[in-house]
PDB file of N, CA and C in Angstrom:
ATOM      1  N   MET A   1       0.841  -1.181   0.000  1.00  0.00           N
ATOM      2  CA  MET A   1       0.000   0.000   0.000  1.00  0.00           C
ATOM      3  C   MET A   1       0.884   1.242   0.000  1.00  0.00           C
ATOM      4  N   ASP A   2       0.480   2.229  -0.740  1.00  0.00           N
ATOM      5  CA  ASP A   2       1.184   3.502  -0.844  1.00  0.00           C
ATOM      6  C   ASP A   2       1.327   4.133   0.551  1.00  0.00           C
ATOM      7  N   LYS A   3       2.515   4.650   0.864  1.00  0.00           N
ATOM      8  CA  LYS A   3       2.765   5.254   2.185  1.00  0.00           C
ATOM      9  C   LYS A   3       1.858   6.451   2.449  1.00  0.00           C
ATOM     10  N   GLU A   4       1.593   7.243   1.415  1.00  0.00           N
ATOM     11  CA  GLU A   4       0.718   8.414   1.582  1.00  0.00           C
ATOM     12  C   GLU A   4      -0.695   7.972   1.973  1.00  0.00           C
ATOM     13  N   ILE A   5      -1.197   6.944   1.313  1.00  0.00           N
ATOM     14  CA  ILE A   5      -2.527   6.420   1.638  1.00  0.00           C
ATOM     15  C   ILE A   5      -2.538   5.830   3.036  1.00  0.00           C
ATOM     16  N   GLN A   6      -1.516   5.051   3.365  1.00  0.00           N
ATOM     17  CA  GLN A   6      -1.416   4.453   4.703  1.00  0.00           C
ATOM     18  C   GLN A   6      -1.402   5.543   5.772  1.00  0.00           C
ATOM     19  N   SER A   7      -0.637   6.598   5.547  1.00  0.00           N
ATOM     20  CA  SER A   7      -0.559   7.708   6.493  1.00  0.00           C
ATOM     21  C   SER A   7      -1.915   8.407   6.622  1.00  0.00           C
ATOM     22  N   ALA A   8      -2.600   8.608   5.499  1.00  0.00           N
ATOM     23  CA  ALA A   8      -3.910   9.260   5.512  1.00  0.00           C
ATOM     24  C   ALA A   8      -4.923   8.415   6.276  1.00  0.00           C
ATOM     25  N   LEU A   9      -4.896   7.097   6.072  1.00  0.00           N
ATOM     26  CA  LEU A   9      -5.805   6.208   6.795  1.00  0.00           C
ATOM     27  C   LEU A   9      -5.543   6.262   8.296  1.00  0.00           C
ATOM     28  N   GLU A  10      -4.277   6.250   8.664  1.00  0.00           N
ATOM     29  CA  GLU A  10      -3.917   6.310  10.084  1.00  0.00           C
ATOM     30  C   GLU A  10      -4.381   7.623  10.713  1.00  0.00           C
ATOM     31  N   LYS A  11      -4.108   8.741  10.033  1.00  0.00           N
ATOM     32  CA  LYS A  11      -4.524  10.050  10.547  1.00  0.00           C
ATOM     33  C   LYS A  11      -6.041  10.137  10.679  1.00  0.00           C
ATOM     34  N   TYR A  12      -6.749   9.603   9.674  1.00  0.00           N
ATOM     35  CA  TYR A  12      -8.214   9.628   9.700  1.00  0.00           C
ATOM     36  C   TYR A  12      -8.729   8.858  10.918  1.00  0.00           C
ATOM     37  N   ALA A  13      -8.179   7.672  11.145  1.00  0.00           N
ATOM     38  CA  ALA A  13      -8.596   6.850  12.279  1.00  0.00           C
ATOM     39  C   ALA A  13      -8.331   7.567  13.601  1.00  0.00           C
ATOM     40  N   ILE A  14      -7.168   8.151  13.726  1.00  0.00           N
ATOM     41  CA  ILE A  14      -6.811   8.883  14.952  1.00  0.00           C
ATOM     42  C   ILE A  14      -7.741  10.067  15.148  1.00  0.00           C
ATOM     43  N   ASN A  15      -7.993  10.830  14.084  1.00  0.00           N
ATOM     44  CA  ASN A  15      -8.859  12.003  14.185  1.00  0.00           C
ATOM     45  C   ASN A  15     -10.286  11.628  14.571  1.00  0.00           C
ATOM     46  N   LYS A  16     -10.826  10.538  13.992  1.00  0.00           N
ATOM     47  CA  LYS A  16     -12.180  10.108  14.338  1.00  0.00           C
ATOM     48  C   LYS A  16     -12.269   9.775  15.824  1.00  0.00           C
ATOM     49  N   THR A  17     -11.245   9.110  16.344  1.00  0.00           N
ATOM     50  CA  THR A  17     -11.220   8.760  17.763  1.00  0.00           C
ATOM     51  C   THR A  17     -11.139  10.019  18.624  1.00  0.00           C
ATOM     52  N   LYS A  18     -10.311  10.971  18.218  1.00  0.00           N
ATOM     53  CA  LYS A  18     -10.181  12.228  18.964  1.00  0.00           C
ATOM     54  C   LYS A  18     -11.495  12.994  18.955  1.00  0.00           C
ATOM     55  N   ILE A  19     -12.154  13.053  17.796  1.00  0.00           N
ATOM     56  CA  ILE A  19     -13.426  13.779  17.681  1.00  0.00           C
ATOM     57  C   ILE A  19     -14.454  13.188  18.636  1.00  0.00           C
ATOM     58  N   LYS A  20     -14.544  11.867  18.682  1.00  0.00           N
ATOM     59  CA  LYS A  20     -15.505  11.212  19.573  1.00  0.00           C
ATOM     60  C   LYS A  20     -15.217  11.568  21.029  1.00  0.00           C
ATOM     61  N   SER A  21     -13.958  11.532  21.405  1.00  0.00           N
ATOM     62  CA  SER A  21     -13.559  11.829  22.773  1.00  0.00           C
ATOM     63  C   SER A  21     -13.817  13.296  23.121  1.00  0.00           C
ATOM     64  N   ILE A  22     -13.457  14.178  22.217  1.00  0.00           N
ATOM     65  CA  ILE A  22     -13.635  15.616  22.454  1.00  0.00           C
ATOM     66  C   ILE A  22     -15.117  15.969  22.506  1.00  0.00           C
ATOM     67  N   THR A  23     -15.925  15.349  21.656  1.00  0.00           N
ATOM     68  CA  THR A  23     -17.368  15.601  21.665  1.00  0.00           C
ATOM     69  C   THR A  23     -17.957  15.219  23.017  1.00  0.00           C
ATOM     70  N   LYS A  24     -17.567  14.061  23.538  1.00  0.00           N
ATOM     71  CA  LYS A  24     -18.053  13.628  24.854  1.00  0.00           C
ATOM     72  C   LYS A  24     -17.605  14.597  25.935  1.00  0.00           C
ATOM     73  N   GLU A  25     -16.361  15.035  25.868  1.00  0.00           N
ATOM     74  CA  GLU A  25     -15.840  15.982  26.863  1.00  0.00           C
ATOM     75  C   GLU A  25     -16.616  17.293  26.801  1.00  0.00           C
ATOM     76  N   ASN A  26     -16.902  17.794  25.600  1.00  0.00           N
ATOM     77  CA  ASN A  26     -17.654  19.041  25.464  1.00  0.00           C
ATOM     78  C   ASN A  26     -19.079  18.900  25.980  1.00  0.00           C
ATOM     79  N   GLU A  27     -19.686  17.735  25.759  1.00  0.00           N
ATOM     80  CA  GLU A  27     -21.032  17.508  26.303  1.00  0.00           C
ATOM     81  C   GLU A  27     -21.005  17.582  27.825  1.00  0.00           C
ATOM     82  N   ASP A  28     -19.967  17.022  28.436  1.00  0.00           N
ATOM     83  CA  ASP A  28     -19.828  17.083  29.891  1.00  0.00           C
ATOM     84  C   ASP A  28     -19.595  18.521  30.358  1.00  0.00           C
ATOM     85  N   LEU A  29     -18.810  19.283  29.614  1.00  0.00           N
ATOM     86  CA  LEU A  29     -18.541  20.670  29.982  1.00  0.00           C
ATOM     87  C   LEU A  29     -19.795  21.543  29.875  1.00  0.00           C
ATOM     88  N   GLN A  30     -20.649  21.236  28.912  1.00  0.00           N
ATOM     89  CA  GLN A  30     -21.882  22.010  28.747  1.00  0.00           C
ATOM     90  C   GLN A  30     -22.770  21.931  29.984  1.00  0.00           C
ATOM     91  N   ILE A  31     -22.730  20.793  30.676  1.00  0.00           N
ATOM     92  CA  ILE A  31     -23.526  20.623  31.892  1.00  0.00           C
ATOM     93  C   ILE A  31     -23.124  21.655  32.940  1.00  0.00           C
ATOM     94  N   ILE A  32     -21.854  22.020  32.949  1.00  0.00           N
ATOM     95  CA  ILE A  32     -21.345  23.032  33.880  1.00  0.00           C
ATOM     96  C   ILE A  32     -21.569  24.437  33.336  1.00  0.00           C
ATOM     97  N   LEU A  33     -21.289  24.609  32.047  1.00  0.00           N
ATOM     98  CA  LEU A  33     -21.264  25.950  31.469  1.00  0.00           C
ATOM     99  C   LEU A  33     -22.639  26.559  31.239  1.00  0.00           C
ATOM    100  N   ILE A  34     -23.606  25.786  30.792  1.00  0.00           N
ATOM    101  CA  ILE A  34     -24.914  26.361  30.471  1.00  0.00           C
ATOM    102  C   ILE A  34     -25.562  27.022  31.683  1.00  0.00           C
ATOM    103  N   PRO A  35     -25.660  26.351  32.830  1.00  0.00           N
ATOM    104  CA  PRO A  35     -26.257  27.044  33.989  1.00  0.00           C
ATOM    105  C   PRO A  35     -25.472  28.293  34.404  1.00  0.00           C
ATOM    106  N   ALA A  36     -24.144  28.207  34.327  1.00  0.00           N
ATOM    107  CA  ALA A  36     -23.324  29.363  34.714  1.00  0.00           C
ATOM    108  C   ALA A  36     -23.558  30.532  33.774  1.00  0.00           C
ATOM    109  N   LEU A  37     -23.645  30.279  32.485  1.00  0.00           N
ATOM    110  CA  LEU A  37     -23.873  31.351  31.511  1.00  0.00           C
ATOM    111  C   LEU A  37     -25.287  31.907  31.597  1.00  0.00           C
ATOM    112  N   LEU A  38     -26.249  31.076  31.946  1.00  0.00           N
ATOM    113  CA  LEU A  38     -27.615  31.573  32.132  1.00  0.00           C
ATOM    114  C   LEU A  38     -27.686  32.501  33.339  1.00  0.00           C
ATOM    115  N   GLU A  39     -26.925  32.158  34.365  1.00  0.00           N
ATOM    116  CA  GLU A  39     -26.899  32.979  35.576  1.00  0.00           C
ATOM    117  C   GLU A  39     -26.169  34.298  35.337  1.00  0.00           C
ATOM    118  N   ASP A  40     -25.051  34.249  34.619  1.00  0.00           N
ATOM    119  CA  ASP A  40     -24.254  35.453  34.354  1.00  0.00           C
ATOM    120  C   ASP A  40     -23.673  35.396  32.945  1.00  0.00           C
ATOM    121  N   PRO A  41     -24.403  35.932  31.951  1.00  0.00           N
ATOM    122  CA  PRO A  41     -23.931  35.887  30.566  1.00  0.00           C
ATOM    123  C   PRO A  41     -22.583  36.568  30.336  1.00  0.00           C
ATOM    124  N   LYS A  42     -22.205  37.495  31.211  1.00  0.00           N
ATOM    125  CA  LYS A  42     -20.937  38.219  31.026  1.00  0.00           C
ATOM    126  C   LYS A  42     -19.719  37.304  31.119  1.00  0.00           C
ATOM    127  N   ILE A  43     -19.843  36.188  31.837  1.00  0.00           N
ATOM    128  CA  ILE A  43     -18.687  35.291  31.956  1.00  0.00           C
ATOM    129  C   ILE A  43     -18.362  34.632  30.619  1.00  0.00           C
ATOM    130  N   GLY A  44     -19.279  34.733  29.666  1.00  0.00           N
ATOM    131  CA  GLY A  44     -19.049  34.153  28.351  1.00  0.00           C
ATOM    132  C   GLY A  44     -18.132  34.973  27.473  1.00  0.00           C
ATOM    133  N   GLU A  45     -17.819  36.183  27.883  1.00  0.00           N
ATOM    134  CA  GLU A  45     -16.915  37.036  27.105  1.00  0.00           C
ATOM    135  C   GLU A  45     -15.496  36.737  27.575  1.00  0.00           C
ATOM    136  N   THR A  46     -14.786  35.959  26.757  1.00  0.00           N
ATOM    137  CA  THR A  46     -13.469  35.466  27.160  1.00  0.00           C
ATOM    138  C   THR A  46     -12.425  35.818  26.105  1.00  0.00           C
ATOM    139  N   PRO A  47     -11.159  35.645  26.428  1.00  0.00           N
ATOM    140  CA  PRO A  47     -10.105  35.856  25.438  1.00  0.00           C
ATOM    141  C   PRO A  47     -10.169  34.829  24.287  1.00  0.00           C
ATOM    142  N   TYR A  48     -10.890  33.722  24.506  1.00  0.00           N
ATOM    143  CA  TYR A  48     -10.977  32.666  23.486  1.00  0.00           C
ATOM    144  C   TYR A  48     -12.102  32.900  22.493  1.00  0.00           C
ATOM    145  N   GLY A  49     -13.026  33.797  22.847  1.00  0.00           N
ATOM    146  CA  GLY A  49     -14.205  34.056  22.030  1.00  0.00           C
ATOM    147  C   GLY A  49     -15.393  34.283  22.942  1.00  0.00           C
ATOM    148  N   LYS A  50     -16.553  34.493  22.338  1.00  0.00           N
ATOM    149  CA  LYS A  50     -17.757  34.768  23.119  1.00  0.00           C
ATOM    150  C   LYS A  50     -18.624  33.511  23.178  1.00  0.00           C
ATOM    151  N   PHE A  51     -18.984  33.137  24.382  1.00  0.00           N
ATOM    152  CA  PHE A  51     -19.867  31.996  24.609  1.00  0.00           C
ATOM    153  C   PHE A  51     -21.240  32.524  24.972  1.00  0.00           C
ATOM    154  N   LYS A  52     -22.275  31.918  24.412  1.00  0.00           N
ATOM    155  CA  LYS A  52     -23.632  32.298  24.795  1.00  0.00           C
ATOM    156  C   LYS A  52     -24.519  31.074  24.691  1.00  0.00           C
ATOM    157  N   VAL A  53     -25.599  31.084  25.435  1.00  0.00           N
ATOM    158  CA  VAL A  53     -26.562  29.993  25.405  1.00  0.00           C
ATOM    159  C   VAL A  53     -27.674  30.404  24.451  1.00  0.00           C
ATOM    160  N   SER A  54     -27.970  29.533  23.521  1.00  0.00           N
ATOM    161  CA  SER A  54     -29.058  29.778  22.578  1.00  0.00           C
ATOM    162  C   SER A  54     -30.122  28.709  22.777  1.00  0.00           C
ATOM    163  N   ASP A  55     -31.357  29.098  22.552  1.00  0.00           N
ATOM    164  CA  ASP A  55     -32.442  28.127  22.628  1.00  0.00           C
ATOM    165  C   ASP A  55     -32.473  27.317  21.344  1.00  0.00           C
ATOM    166  N   TYR A  56     -32.466  26.013  21.486  1.00  0.00           N
ATOM    167  CA  TYR A  56     -32.486  25.093  20.358  1.00  0.00           C
ATOM    168  C   TYR A  56     -33.873  24.457  20.318  1.00  0.00           C
ATOM    169  N   PRO A  57     -34.594  24.640  19.219  1.00  0.00           N
ATOM    170  CA  PRO A  57     -35.972  24.135  19.198  1.00  0.00           C
ATOM    171  C   PRO A  57     -36.042  22.609  19.183  1.00  0.00           C
ATOM    172  N   SER A  58     -36.997  22.098  19.883  1.00  0.00           N
ATOM    173  CA  SER A  58     -37.289  20.670  19.894  1.00  0.00           C
ATOM    174  C   SER A  58     -38.806  20.549  19.831  1.00  0.00           C
ATOM    175  N   TYR A  59     -39.312  19.793  18.883  1.00  0.00           N
ATOM    176  CA  TYR A  59     -40.748  19.730  18.659  1.00  0.00           C
ATOM    177  C   TYR A  59     -41.323  18.398  19.121  1.00  0.00           C
ATOM    178  N   GLN A  60     -42.492  18.469  19.724  1.00  0.00           N
ATOM    179  CA  GLN A  60     -43.267  17.291  20.092  1.00  0.00           C
ATOM    180  C   GLN A  60     -44.533  17.337  19.246  1.00  0.00           C
ATOM    181  N   TYR A  61     -44.829  16.253  18.555  1.00  0.00           N
ATOM    182  CA  TYR A  61     -45.952  16.237  17.635  1.00  0.00           C
ATOM    183  C   TYR A  61     -47.126  15.446  18.202  1.00  0.00           C
ATOM    184  N   SER A  62     -48.323  15.824  17.752  1.00  0.00           N
ATOM    185  CA  SER A  62     -49.531  15.122  18.169  1.00  0.00           C
ATOM    186  C   SER A  62     -49.528  13.708  17.596  1.00  0.00           C
ATOM    187  N   LEU A  63     -50.367  12.852  18.153  1.00  0.00           N
ATOM    188  CA  LEU A  63     -50.471  11.477  17.666  1.00  0.00           C
ATOM    189  C   LEU A  63     -50.915  11.455  16.207  1.00  0.00           C
ATOM    190  N   GLU A  64     -51.756  12.400  15.814  1.00  0.00           N
ATOM    191  CA  GLU A  64     -52.224  12.475  14.424  1.00  0.00           C
ATOM    192  C   GLU A  64     -51.056  12.727  13.470  1.00  0.00           C
ATOM    193  N   ILE A  65     -50.203  13.657  13.828  1.00  0.00           N
ATOM    194  CA  ILE A  65     -49.048  13.969  12.971  1.00  0.00           C
ATOM    195  C   ILE A  65     -48.062  12.807  12.978  1.00  0.00           C
ATOM    196  N   LYS A  66     -47.859  12.173  14.133  1.00  0.00           N
ATOM    197  CA  LYS A  66     -46.974  11.003  14.195  1.00  0.00           C
ATOM    198  C   LYS A  66     -47.496   9.897  13.288  1.00  0.00           C
ATOM    199  N   ALA A  67     -48.811   9.709  13.269  1.00  0.00           N
ATOM    200  CA  ALA A  67     -49.407   8.682  12.405  1.00  0.00           C
ATOM    201  C   ALA A  67     -49.184   9.028  10.942  1.00  0.00           C
ATOM    202  N   MET A  68     -49.317  10.301  10.593  1.00  0.00           N
ATOM    203  CA  MET A  68     -49.071  10.735   9.215  1.00  0.00           C
ATOM    204  C   MET A  68     -47.618  10.490   8.840  1.00  0.00           C
ATOM    205  N   SER A  69     -46.722  10.738   9.779  1.00  0.00           N
ATOM    206  CA  SER A  69     -45.303  10.518   9.540  1.00  0.00           C
ATOM    207  C   SER A  69     -45.034   9.029   9.303  1.00  0.00           C
ATOM    208  N   ASP A  70     -45.670   8.189  10.112  1.00  0.00           N
ATOM    209  CA  ASP A  70     -45.517   6.737   9.931  1.00  0.00           C
ATOM    210  C   ASP A  70     -46.061   6.310   8.572  1.00  0.00           C
ATOM    211  N   ASP A  71     -47.205   6.892   8.169  1.00  0.00           N
ATOM    212  CA  ASP A  71     -47.784   6.582   6.856  1.00  0.00           C
ATOM    213  C   ASP A  71     -46.824   6.985   5.744  1.00  0.00           C
ATOM    214  N   LEU A  72     -46.233   8.177   5.875  1.00  0.00           N
ATOM    215  CA  LEU A  72     -45.289   8.646   4.872  1.00  0.00           C
ATOM    216  C   LEU A  72     -44.087   7.716   4.777  1.00  0.00           C
ATOM    217  N   LYS A  73     -43.571   7.285   5.918  1.00  0.00           N
ATOM    218  CA  LYS A  73     -42.426   6.362   5.914  1.00  0.00           C
ATOM    219  C   LYS A  73     -42.787   5.061   5.206  1.00  0.00           C
ATOM    220  N   ALA A  74     -44.010   4.566   5.420  1.00  0.00           N
ATOM    221  CA  ALA A  74     -44.453   3.331   4.760  1.00  0.00           C
ATOM    222  C   ALA A  74     -44.566   3.541   3.256  1.00  0.00           C
ATOM    223  N   ILE A  75     -45.097   4.690   2.846  1.00  0.00           N
ATOM    224  CA  ILE A  75     -45.222   5.011   1.420  1.00  0.00           C
ATOM    225  C   ILE A  75     -43.846   5.109   0.784  1.00  0.00           C
ATOM    226  N   GLN A  76     -42.912   5.750   1.486  1.00  0.00           N
ATOM    227  CA  GLN A  76     -41.545   5.879   0.967  1.00  0.00           C
ATOM    228  C   GLN A  76     -40.871   4.516   0.859  1.00  0.00           C
ATOM    229  N   ALA A  77     -41.052   3.667   1.848  1.00  0.00           N
ATOM    230  CA  ALA A  77     -40.453   2.336   1.813  1.00  0.00           C
ATOM    231  C   ALA A  77     -41.011   1.535   0.638  1.00  0.00           C
ATOM    232  N   LYS A  78     -42.312   1.673   0.391  1.00  0.00           N
ATOM    233  CA  LYS A  78     -42.925   0.970  -0.743  1.00  0.00           C
ATOM    234  C   LYS A  78     -42.350   1.488  -2.058  1.00  0.00           C
ATOM    235  N   ALA A  79     -42.171   2.825  -2.162  1.00  0.00           N
ATOM    236  CA  ALA A  79     -41.610   3.414  -3.381  1.00  0.00           C
ATOM    237  C   ALA A  79     -40.189   2.912  -3.628  1.00  0.00           C
ATOM    238  N   VAL A  80     -39.436   2.719  -2.572  1.00  0.00           N
ATOM    239  CA  VAL A  80     -38.075   2.191  -2.704  1.00  0.00           C
ATOM    240  C   VAL A  80     -38.134   0.740  -3.181  1.00  0.00           C
ATOM    241  N   SER A  81     -38.997  -0.045  -2.550  1.00  0.00           N
ATOM    242  CA  SER A  81     -39.047  -1.472  -2.890  1.00  0.00           C
ATOM    243  C   SER A  81     -39.601  -1.740  -4.284  1.00  0.00           C
ATOM    244  N   THR A  82     -40.465  -0.853  -4.783  1.00  0.00           N
ATOM    245  CA  THR A  82     -41.034  -1.049  -6.122  1.00  0.00           C
ATOM    246  C   THR A  82     -40.204  -0.395  -7.214  1.00  0.00           C
ATOM    247  N   GLY A  83     -39.181   0.359  -6.821  1.00  0.00           N
ATOM    248  CA  GLY A  83     -38.342   1.029  -7.812  1.00  0.00           C
ATOM    249  C   GLY A  83     -38.903   2.363  -8.260  1.00  0.00           C
ATOM    250  N   GLU A  84     -40.000   2.786  -7.654  1.00  0.00           N
ATOM    251  CA  GLU A  84     -40.615   4.070  -8.000  1.00  0.00           C
ATOM    252  C   GLU A  84     -39.731   5.244  -7.545  1.00  0.00           C
ATOM    253  N   ALA A  85     -39.030   5.048  -6.450  1.00  0.00           N
ATOM    254  CA  ALA A  85     -38.139   6.097  -5.942  1.00  0.00           C
ATOM    255  C   ALA A  85     -36.819   6.058  -6.706  1.00  0.00           C
ATOM    256  N   THR A  86     -36.259   7.225  -6.937  1.00  0.00           N
ATOM    257  CA  THR A  86     -34.967   7.338  -7.616  1.00  0.00           C
ATOM    258  C   THR A  86     -33.872   7.415  -6.559  1.00  0.00           C
ATOM    259  N   VAL A  87     -32.827   6.654  -6.776  1.00  0.00           N
ATOM    260  CA  VAL A  87     -31.732   6.649  -5.808  1.00  0.00           C
ATOM    261  C   VAL A  87     -30.484   7.231  -6.453  1.00  0.00           C
ATOM    262  N   THR A  88     -29.745   7.991  -5.671  1.00  0.00           N
ATOM    263  CA  THR A  88     -28.425   8.457  -6.082  1.00  0.00           C
ATOM    264  C   THR A  88     -27.470   8.102  -4.944  1.00  0.00           C
ATOM    265  N   TYR A  89     -26.249   7.801  -5.308  1.00  0.00           N
ATOM    266  CA  TYR A  89     -25.234   7.452  -4.318  1.00  0.00           C
ATOM    267  C   TYR A  89     -24.136   8.502  -4.322  1.00  0.00           C
ATOM    268  N   ASN A  90     -23.777   8.932  -3.119  1.00  0.00           N
ATOM    269  CA  ASN A  90     -22.694   9.902  -2.965  1.00  0.00           C
ATOM    270  C   ASN A  90     -21.597   9.241  -2.138  1.00  0.00           C
ATOM    271  N   PRO A  91     -20.345   9.416  -2.532  1.00  0.00           N
ATOM    272  CA  PRO A  91     -19.263   8.779  -1.769  1.00  0.00           C
ATOM    273  C   PRO A  91     -19.209   9.286  -0.332  1.00  0.00           C
ATOM    274  N   SER A  92     -19.045   8.375   0.576  1.00  0.00           N
ATOM    275  CA  SER A  92     -18.944   8.711   1.987  1.00  0.00           C
ATOM    276  C   SER A  92     -17.937   7.757   2.617  1.00  0.00           C
ATOM    277  N   LEU A  93     -17.024   8.280   3.368  1.00  0.00           N
ATOM    278  CA  LEU A  93     -15.991   7.454   3.995  1.00  0.00           C
ATOM    279  C   LEU A  93     -16.464   7.002   5.357  1.00  0.00           C
ATOM    280  N   GLY A  94     -16.523   5.707   5.540  1.00  0.00           N
ATOM    281  CA  GLY A  94     -16.886   5.147   6.842  1.00  0.00           C
ATOM    282  C   GLY A  94     -15.639   4.661   7.554  1.00  0.00           C
ATOM    283  N   PHE A  95     -15.739   4.531   8.864  1.00  0.00           N
ATOM    284  CA  PHE A  95     -14.602   4.060   9.657  1.00  0.00           C
ATOM    285  C   PHE A  95     -15.123   3.326  10.877  1.00  0.00           C
ATOM    286  N   LEU A  96     -14.672   2.111  11.078  1.00  0.00           N
ATOM    287  CA  LEU A  96     -14.979   1.327  12.268  1.00  0.00           C
ATOM    288  C   LEU A  96     -13.682   1.067  13.001  1.00  0.00           C
ATOM    289  N   PRO A  97     -13.535   1.632  14.197  1.00  0.00           N
ATOM    290  CA  PRO A  97     -12.278   1.436  14.927  1.00  0.00           C
ATOM    291  C   PRO A  97     -12.110  -0.009  15.376  1.00  0.00           C
ATOM    292  N   VAL A  98     -10.883  -0.412  15.531  1.00  0.00           N
ATOM    293  CA  VAL A  98     -10.545  -1.744  16.020  1.00  0.00           C
ATOM    294  C   VAL A  98     -10.858  -1.771  17.509  1.00  0.00           C
ATOM    295  N   LYS A  99     -11.543  -2.820  17.945  1.00  0.00           N
ATOM    296  CA  LYS A  99     -11.838  -2.983  19.371  1.00  0.00           C
ATOM    297  C   LYS A  99     -10.589  -3.491  20.076  1.00  0.00           C
ATOM    298  N   LEU A 100     -10.159  -2.762  21.081  1.00  0.00           N
ATOM    299  CA  LEU A 100      -8.964  -3.170  21.836  1.00  0.00           C
ATOM    300  C   LEU A 100      -9.339  -3.844  23.134  1.00  0.00           C
TER     301      LEU A 100
END
């Protein structure tokens, strides 16, 4: 295997592992930071940048809408199985880390 490709694969694997770890760490930090910033937004003005808490919408739907969504999913699945739906494929790189 080409050394450049081998190096790229290794870096990709390492980066994916780092991203997963850093994402988990940031989720843990948010538990501390969000209440503190809600209490005193001024602490978010730092030499590293400005931190602020934003409201992120989350929707809860009625049973009627959930049923419509389920119906749509069934219709879409049927369209896929009958060939009525058009499919396109886009390249995507997957990575499964080795279990240690």
